[in-house]
PDB file of N, CA and C in Angstrom:
ATOM      1  N   UNK A   1       1.332  -1.082   0.166  1.00  0.00           N
ATOM      2  CA  UNK A   1      -0.061  -0.307   0.261  1.00  0.00           C
ATOM      3  C   UNK A   1       1.540   0.928  -0.329  1.00  0.00           C
ATOM      4  N   UNK A   2       0.470   2.012  -1.140  1.00  0.00           N
ATOM      5  CA  UNK A   2       1.742   2.872  -0.991  1.00  0.00           C
ATOM      6  C   UNK A   2       1.019   3.981   0.081  1.00  0.00           C
ATOM      7  N   UNK A   3       1.674   5.371   0.560  1.00  0.00           N
ATOM      8  CA  UNK A   3       2.088   6.479   1.853  1.00  0.00           C
ATOM      9  C   UNK A   3       0.887   6.946   1.117  1.00  0.00           C
ATOM     10  N   UNK A   4      -0.069   7.506   2.229  1.00  0.00           N
ATOM     11  CA  UNK A   4      -1.226   8.595   1.546  1.00  0.00           C
ATOM     12  C   UNK A   4      -0.434   9.971   2.406  1.00  0.00           C
ATOM     13  N   UNK A   5      -0.731  10.789   1.221  1.00  0.00           N
ATOM     14  CA  UNK A   5      -0.572  12.317   1.560  1.00  0.00           C
ATOM     15  C   UNK A   5      -1.938  13.048   3.107  1.00  0.00           C
ATOM     16  N   UNK A   6      -1.035  13.517   3.268  1.00  0.00           N
ATOM     17  CA  UNK A   6      -2.115  13.920   4.772  1.00  0.00           C
ATOM     18  C   UNK A   6      -2.544  15.771   3.452  1.00  0.00           C
ATOM     19  N   UNK A   7      -3.642  15.729   4.034  1.00  0.00           N
ATOM     20  CA  UNK A   7      -3.873  17.329   4.046  1.00  0.00           C
ATOM     21  C   UNK A   7      -4.789  17.831   5.425  1.00  0.00           C
ATOM     22  N   UNK A   8      -3.925  19.390   4.573  1.00  0.00           N
ATOM     23  CA  UNK A   8      -4.348  20.809   6.083  1.00  0.00           C
ATOM     24  C   UNK A   8      -5.172  21.113   5.207  1.00  0.00           C
ATOM     25  N   UNK A   9      -5.284  21.600   6.256  1.00  0.00           N
ATOM     26  CA  UNK A   9      -5.791  23.423   5.519  1.00  0.00           C
ATOM     27  C   UNK A   9      -5.301  24.754   5.990  1.00  0.00           C
ATOM     28  N   UNK A  10      -4.606  25.533   5.857  1.00  0.00           N
ATOM     29  CA  UNK A  10      -3.802  26.556   6.587  1.00  0.00           C
ATOM     30  C   UNK A  10      -4.460  27.658   5.743  1.00  0.00           C
ATOM     31  N   UNK A  11      -4.720  29.021   7.399  1.00  0.00           N
ATOM     32  CA  UNK A  11      -4.962  29.891   6.727  1.00  0.00           C
ATOM     33  C   UNK A  11      -3.653  31.285   7.190  1.00  0.00           C
ATOM     34  N   UNK A  12      -3.560  32.034   6.122  1.00  0.00           N
ATOM     35  CA  UNK A  12      -2.381  33.311   6.123  1.00  0.00           C
ATOM     36  C   UNK A  12      -3.155  34.480   5.953  1.00  0.00           C
ATOM     37  N   UNK A  13      -3.016  35.800   6.687  1.00  0.00           N
ATOM     38  CA  UNK A  13      -3.252  36.416   7.400  1.00  0.00           C
ATOM     39  C   UNK A  13      -1.932  37.817   7.577  1.00  0.00           C
ATOM     40  N   UNK A  14      -2.212  38.996   6.974  1.00  0.00           N
ATOM     41  CA  UNK A  14      -0.939  39.701   6.678  1.00  0.00           C
ATOM     42  C   UNK A  14      -1.610  41.174   6.505  1.00  0.00           C
ATOM     43  N   UNK A  15      -0.620  41.775   6.760  1.00  0.00           N
ATOM     44  CA  UNK A  15      -1.090  43.249   6.347  1.00  0.00           C
ATOM     45  C   UNK A  15      -0.902  43.195   5.010  1.00  0.00           C
ATOM     46  N   UNK A  16      -0.737  44.037   4.231  1.00  0.00           N
ATOM     47  CA  UNK A  16      -1.315  44.512   2.844  1.00  0.00           C
ATOM     48  C   UNK A  16       0.539  44.378   2.849  1.00  0.00           C
ATOM     49  N   UNK A  17       1.139  43.427   1.735  1.00  0.00           N
ATOM     50  CA  UNK A  17       2.289  43.493   1.306  1.00  0.00           C
ATOM     51  C   UNK A  17       3.596  42.857   2.707  1.00  0.00           C
ATOM     52  N   UNK A  18       2.691  42.104   3.178  1.00  0.00           N
ATOM     53  CA  UNK A  18       3.761  40.971   3.670  1.00  0.00           C
ATOM     54  C   UNK A  18       4.308  39.797   3.392  1.00  0.00           C
ATOM     55  N   UNK A  19       3.800  39.799   2.051  1.00  0.00           N
ATOM     56  CA  UNK A  19       4.427  38.738   1.429  1.00  0.00           C
ATOM     57  C   UNK A  19       3.357  37.065   2.051  1.00  0.00           C
ATOM     58  N   UNK A  20       2.676  38.038   2.094  1.00  0.00           N
ATOM     59  CA  UNK A  20       1.441  36.347   2.494  1.00  0.00           C
ATOM     60  C   UNK A  20       1.601  35.355   0.572  1.00  0.00           C
ATOM     61  N   UNK A  21       1.320  36.201  -0.328  1.00  0.00           N
ATOM     62  CA  UNK A  21       1.464  35.240  -1.091  1.00  0.00           C
ATOM     63  C   UNK A  21       2.694  34.446  -2.023  1.00  0.00           C
ATOM     64  N   UNK A  22       3.589  35.054  -1.281  1.00  0.00           N
ATOM     65  CA  UNK A  22       5.107  34.607  -1.073  1.00  0.00           C
ATOM     66  C   UNK A  22       5.296  33.336  -0.591  1.00  0.00           C
ATOM     67  N   UNK A  23       5.403  33.689   0.632  1.00  0.00           N
ATOM     68  CA  UNK A  23       5.237  32.668   1.585  1.00  0.00           C
ATOM     69  C   UNK A  23       4.068  31.305   1.269  1.00  0.00           C
ATOM     70  N   UNK A  24       2.984  31.556   0.875  1.00  0.00           N
ATOM     71  CA  UNK A  24       2.032  30.667   0.398  1.00  0.00           C
ATOM     72  C   UNK A  24       2.534  29.610  -0.392  1.00  0.00           C
ATOM     73  N   UNK A  25       3.225  30.319  -1.809  1.00  0.00           N
ATOM     74  CA  UNK A  25       3.741  29.766  -2.716  1.00  0.00           C
ATOM     75  C   UNK A  25       4.603  29.462  -3.026  1.00  0.00           C
ATOM     76  N   UNK A  26       5.812  29.977  -1.677  1.00  0.00           N
ATOM     77  CA  UNK A  26       7.134  29.231  -1.819  1.00  0.00           C
ATOM     78  C   UNK A  26       6.499  27.733  -0.438  1.00  0.00           C
ATOM     79  N   UNK A  27       5.633  27.515   0.704  1.00  0.00           N
ATOM     80  CA  UNK A  27       4.884  26.635   0.968  1.00  0.00           C
ATOM     81  C   UNK A  27       4.710  25.423  -0.150  1.00  0.00           C
ATOM     82  N   UNK A  28       4.172  25.918  -0.554  1.00  0.00           N
ATOM     83  CA  UNK A  28       2.913  25.405  -1.926  1.00  0.00           C
ATOM     84  C   UNK A  28       4.483  24.614  -3.131  1.00  0.00           C
ATOM     85  N   UNK A  29       5.473  25.551  -3.897  1.00  0.00           N
ATOM     86  CA  UNK A  29       6.585  24.819  -3.383  1.00  0.00           C
ATOM     87  C   UNK A  29       7.328  23.539  -2.522  1.00  0.00           C
ATOM     88  N   UNK A  30       7.398  23.749  -1.880  1.00  0.00           N
ATOM     89  CA  UNK A  30       8.572  23.134  -1.067  1.00  0.00           C
ATOM     90  C   UNK A  30       7.833  21.720  -0.834  1.00  0.00           C
ATOM     91  N   UNK A  31       6.071  21.854  -0.079  1.00  0.00           N
ATOM     92  CA  UNK A  31       5.094  20.762  -0.259  1.00  0.00           C
ATOM     93  C   UNK A  31       4.773  20.233  -1.502  1.00  0.00           C
ATOM     94  N   UNK A  32       5.852  20.207  -2.885  1.00  0.00           N
ATOM     95  CA  UNK A  32       5.705  19.634  -3.747  1.00  0.00           C
ATOM     96  C   UNK A  32       4.270  20.013  -4.985  1.00  0.00           C
ATOM     97  N   UNK A  33       3.914  20.821  -4.539  1.00  0.00           N
ATOM     98  CA  UNK A  33       2.566  21.738  -4.833  1.00  0.00           C
ATOM     99  C   UNK A  33       3.114  21.733  -6.368  1.00  0.00           C
ATOM    100  N   UNK A  34       3.999  22.012  -6.624  1.00  0.00           N
ATOM    101  CA  UNK A  34       4.108  23.343  -8.104  1.00  0.00           C
ATOM    102  C   UNK A  34       6.141  22.348  -8.839  1.00  0.00           C
ATOM    103  N   UNK A  35       6.015  22.322  -9.598  1.00  0.00           N
ATOM    104  CA  UNK A  35       7.718  21.396 -10.250  1.00  0.00           C
ATOM    105  C   UNK A  35       8.488  22.493 -10.405  1.00  0.00           C
ATOM    106  N   UNK A  36       9.432  22.707 -10.709  1.00  0.00           N
ATOM    107  CA  UNK A  36      10.837  23.040 -10.358  1.00  0.00           C
ATOM    108  C   UNK A  36      11.131  24.037 -11.742  1.00  0.00           C
ATOM    109  N   UNK A  37      10.938  23.742 -12.374  1.00  0.00           N
ATOM    110  CA  UNK A  37      10.583  23.774 -14.062  1.00  0.00           C
ATOM    111  C   UNK A  37       9.415  25.606 -13.739  1.00  0.00           C
ATOM    112  N   UNK A  38       8.605  25.208 -13.351  1.00  0.00           N
ATOM    113  CA  UNK A  38       7.438  26.082 -13.069  1.00  0.00           C
ATOM    114  C   UNK A  38       8.054  27.283 -12.618  1.00  0.00           C
ATOM    115  N   UNK A  39       8.408  27.183 -11.171  1.00  0.00           N
ATOM    116  CA  UNK A  39       9.559  28.785 -10.538  1.00  0.00           C
ATOM    117  C   UNK A  39       9.861  28.610 -11.233  1.00  0.00           C
ATOM    118  N   UNK A  40      11.181  27.730 -11.863  1.00  0.00           N
ATOM    119  CA  UNK A  40      12.405  28.746 -12.981  1.00  0.00           C
ATOM    120  C   UNK A  40      11.445  29.143 -13.924  1.00  0.00           C
ATOM    121  N   UNK A  41      10.773  29.421 -14.809  1.00  0.00           N
ATOM    122  CA  UNK A  41       9.403  30.026 -15.490  1.00  0.00           C
ATOM    123  C   UNK A  41       9.095  31.040 -14.900  1.00  0.00           C
ATOM    124  N   UNK A  42       8.453  30.995 -13.030  1.00  0.00           N
ATOM    125  CA  UNK A  42       8.147  32.052 -13.072  1.00  0.00           C
ATOM    126  C   UNK A  42       9.099  33.300 -12.403  1.00  0.00           C
ATOM    127  N   UNK A  43      10.489  32.916 -12.291  1.00  0.00           N
ATOM    128  CA  UNK A  43      11.727  33.319 -11.886  1.00  0.00           C
ATOM    129  C   UNK A  43      12.097  34.446 -13.319  1.00  0.00           C
ATOM    130  N   UNK A  44      12.229  33.608 -14.456  1.00  0.00           N
ATOM    131  CA  UNK A  44      13.341  33.882 -15.419  1.00  0.00           C
ATOM    132  C   UNK A  44      11.093  35.267 -15.612  1.00  0.00           C
ATOM    133  N   UNK A  45      10.633  34.931 -15.319  1.00  0.00           N
ATOM    134  CA  UNK A  45       9.295  36.109 -16.133  1.00  0.00           C
ATOM    135  C   UNK A  45       9.664  37.180 -15.375  1.00  0.00           C
ATOM    136  N   UNK A  46       9.107  36.903 -14.054  1.00  0.00           N
ATOM    137  CA  UNK A  46       9.731  38.340 -12.977  1.00  0.00           C
ATOM    138  C   UNK A  46      10.571  39.177 -13.556  1.00  0.00           C
ATOM    139  N   UNK A  47      12.231  38.560 -13.323  1.00  0.00           N
ATOM    140  CA  UNK A  47      13.034  39.084 -14.103  1.00  0.00           C
ATOM    141  C   UNK A  47      12.668  40.222 -14.714  1.00  0.00           C
ATOM    142  N   UNK A  48      12.619  39.187 -15.793  1.00  0.00           N
ATOM    143  CA  UNK A  48      12.245  40.588 -16.199  1.00  0.00           C
ATOM    144  C   UNK A  48      11.394  41.084 -16.433  1.00  0.00           C
ATOM    145  N   UNK A  49       9.960  41.736 -15.429  1.00  0.00           N
ATOM    146  CA  UNK A  49       9.353  42.304 -15.494  1.00  0.00           C
ATOM    147  C   UNK A  49      10.438  43.051 -13.844  1.00  0.00           C
ATOM    148  N   UNK A  50      11.380  43.008 -13.857  1.00  0.00           N
ATOM    149  CA  UNK A  50      12.287  43.378 -12.358  1.00  0.00           C
ATOM    150  C   UNK A  50      11.249  43.313 -11.210  1.00  0.00           C
ATOM    151  N   UNK A  51      11.050  42.495 -11.071  1.00  0.00           N
ATOM    152  CA  UNK A  51      10.644  41.813  -9.820  1.00  0.00           C
ATOM    153  C   UNK A  51      10.997  40.890  -9.695  1.00  0.00           C
ATOM    154  N   UNK A  52      11.734  40.167 -10.072  1.00  0.00           N
ATOM    155  CA  UNK A  52      12.710  38.974  -9.648  1.00  0.00           C
ATOM    156  C   UNK A  52      12.265  38.449  -7.834  1.00  0.00           C
ATOM    157  N   UNK A  53      11.484  38.568  -7.151  1.00  0.00           N
ATOM    158  CA  UNK A  53      11.537  38.180  -5.611  1.00  0.00           C
ATOM    159  C   UNK A  53      10.061  37.961  -5.989  1.00  0.00           C
ATOM    160  N   UNK A  54       8.965  38.099  -7.073  1.00  0.00           N
ATOM    161  CA  UNK A  54       7.761  37.919  -6.599  1.00  0.00           C
ATOM    162  C   UNK A  54       7.223  35.920  -7.628  1.00  0.00           C
ATOM    163  N   UNK A  55       9.306  35.428  -7.856  1.00  0.00           N
ATOM    164  CA  UNK A  55       8.397  34.261  -8.437  1.00  0.00           C
ATOM    165  C   UNK A  55       7.156  33.512  -7.390  1.00  0.00           C
ATOM    166  N   UNK A  56       7.071  32.616  -5.926  1.00  0.00           N
ATOM    167  CA  UNK A  56       6.912  32.015  -4.885  1.00  0.00           C
ATOM    168  C   UNK A  56       5.465  33.043  -5.428  1.00  0.00           C
ATOM    169  N   UNK A  57       5.236  34.369  -4.871  1.00  0.00           N
ATOM    170  CA  UNK A  57       2.889  34.620  -5.209  1.00  0.00           C
ATOM    171  C   UNK A  57       3.080  34.357  -6.721  1.00  0.00           C
ATOM    172  N   UNK A  58       3.814  34.078  -7.809  1.00  0.00           N
ATOM    173  CA  UNK A  58       3.461  34.055  -8.789  1.00  0.00           C
ATOM    174  C   UNK A  58       3.101  33.003  -8.525  1.00  0.00           C
ATOM    175  N   UNK A  59       3.073  32.010  -7.765  1.00  0.00           N
ATOM    176  CA  UNK A  59       2.078  30.259  -8.350  1.00  0.00           C
ATOM    177  C   UNK A  59       0.515  30.743  -7.804  1.00  0.00           C
ATOM    178  N   UNK A  60       0.351  31.829  -7.356  1.00  0.00           N
ATOM    179  CA  UNK A  60      -1.149  32.136  -6.079  1.00  0.00           C
ATOM    180  C   UNK A  60      -1.698  33.074  -7.701  1.00  0.00           C
ATOM    181  N   UNK A  61      -0.858  34.472  -7.846  1.00  0.00           N
ATOM    182  CA  UNK A  61      -1.633  35.569  -8.193  1.00  0.00           C
ATOM    183  C   UNK A  61      -0.871  35.136  -9.983  1.00  0.00           C
ATOM    184  N   UNK A  62      -2.056  34.936 -10.624  1.00  0.00           N
ATOM    185  CA  UNK A  62      -2.420  34.687 -11.997  1.00  0.00           C
ATOM    186  C   UNK A  62      -2.312  35.402 -12.971  1.00  0.00           C
ATOM    187  N   UNK A  63      -3.727  36.492 -12.268  1.00  0.00           N
ATOM    188  CA  UNK A  63      -4.094  37.789 -13.246  1.00  0.00           C
ATOM    189  C   UNK A  63      -2.907  38.711 -13.819  1.00  0.00           C
ATOM    190  N   UNK A  64      -2.133  39.498 -15.173  1.00  0.00           N
ATOM    191  CA  UNK A  64      -1.678  39.601 -15.237  1.00  0.00           C
ATOM    192  C   UNK A  64      -1.602  41.174 -14.573  1.00  0.00           C
ATOM    193  N   UNK A  65      -2.797  42.179 -14.112  1.00  0.00           N
ATOM    194  CA  UNK A  65      -2.707  43.090 -13.348  1.00  0.00           C
ATOM    195  C   UNK A  65      -2.214  42.805 -11.704  1.00  0.00           C
ATOM    196  N   UNK A  66      -2.344  41.247 -11.349  1.00  0.00           N
ATOM    197  CA  UNK A  66      -1.679  41.080 -10.108  1.00  0.00           C
ATOM    198  C   UNK A  66      -0.226  41.352 -10.434  1.00  0.00           C
ATOM    199  N   UNK A  67       0.436  40.763 -11.379  1.00  0.00           N
ATOM    200  CA  UNK A  67       2.332  40.485 -11.848  1.00  0.00           C
ATOM    201  C   UNK A  67       2.510  42.173 -11.869  1.00  0.00           C
ATOM    202  N   UNK A  68       1.473  42.812 -12.468  1.00  0.00           N
ATOM    203  CA  UNK A  68       2.224  44.544 -12.675  1.00  0.00           C
ATOM    204  C   UNK A  68       2.408  45.317 -11.732  1.00  0.00           C
ATOM    205  N   UNK A  69       1.149  45.195 -11.345  1.00  0.00           N
ATOM    206  CA  UNK A  69       1.324  45.412  -9.941  1.00  0.00           C
ATOM    207  C   UNK A  69       2.180  44.994  -8.428  1.00  0.00           C
ATOM    208  N   UNK A  70       2.288  43.952  -8.416  1.00  0.00           N
ATOM    209  CA  UNK A  70       2.820  43.660  -7.748  1.00  0.00           C
ATOM    210  C   UNK A  70       2.109  43.232  -6.096  1.00  0.00           C
ATOM    211  N   UNK A  71       0.729  43.029  -6.996  1.00  0.00           N
ATOM    212  CA  UNK A  71      -0.106  43.377  -5.327  1.00  0.00           C
ATOM    213  C   UNK A  71      -1.382  41.592  -5.640  1.00  0.00           C
ATOM    214  N   UNK A  72      -1.332  41.346  -4.872  1.00  0.00           N
ATOM    215  CA  UNK A  72      -3.114  40.157  -5.041  1.00  0.00           C
ATOM    216  C   UNK A  72      -4.353  40.726  -5.397  1.00  0.00           C
ATOM    217  N   UNK A  73      -5.398  40.711  -6.351  1.00  0.00           N
ATOM    218  CA  UNK A  73      -6.376  41.622  -6.218  1.00  0.00           C
ATOM    219  C   UNK A  73      -7.228  41.274  -6.196  1.00  0.00           C
ATOM    220  N   UNK A  74      -7.567  39.732  -6.491  1.00  0.00           N
ATOM    221  CA  UNK A  74      -8.282  38.708  -6.186  1.00  0.00           C
ATOM    222  C   UNK A  74      -8.730  37.493  -5.038  1.00  0.00           C
ATOM    223  N   UNK A  75      -9.898  37.785  -4.473  1.00  0.00           N
ATOM    224  CA  UNK A  75      -9.332  36.772  -2.591  1.00  0.00           C
ATOM    225  C   UNK A  75      -8.947  35.876  -3.437  1.00  0.00           C
ATOM    226  N   UNK A  76      -8.632  34.871  -2.346  1.00  0.00           N
ATOM    227  CA  UNK A  76      -8.235  33.228  -3.561  1.00  0.00           C
ATOM    228  C   UNK A  76      -9.296  32.498  -2.706  1.00  0.00           C
TER     229      UNK A  76
END
């Protein structure tokens, strides 16, 4: 029998620009929810926009406006 994956619910609360999306995106990556190739793609695209540190936030921030402004505009 294979190893079961445990599911947990997490709530992330913080002030504006405190890094909620970045922290959550990094957690998703570290837990295997997104692959290294995708993160590398986000890193390249973010660097091209002058926002290299936003690569993990882009796991959650899909809208063009969110990526351009550097803030999450839609509640998840």
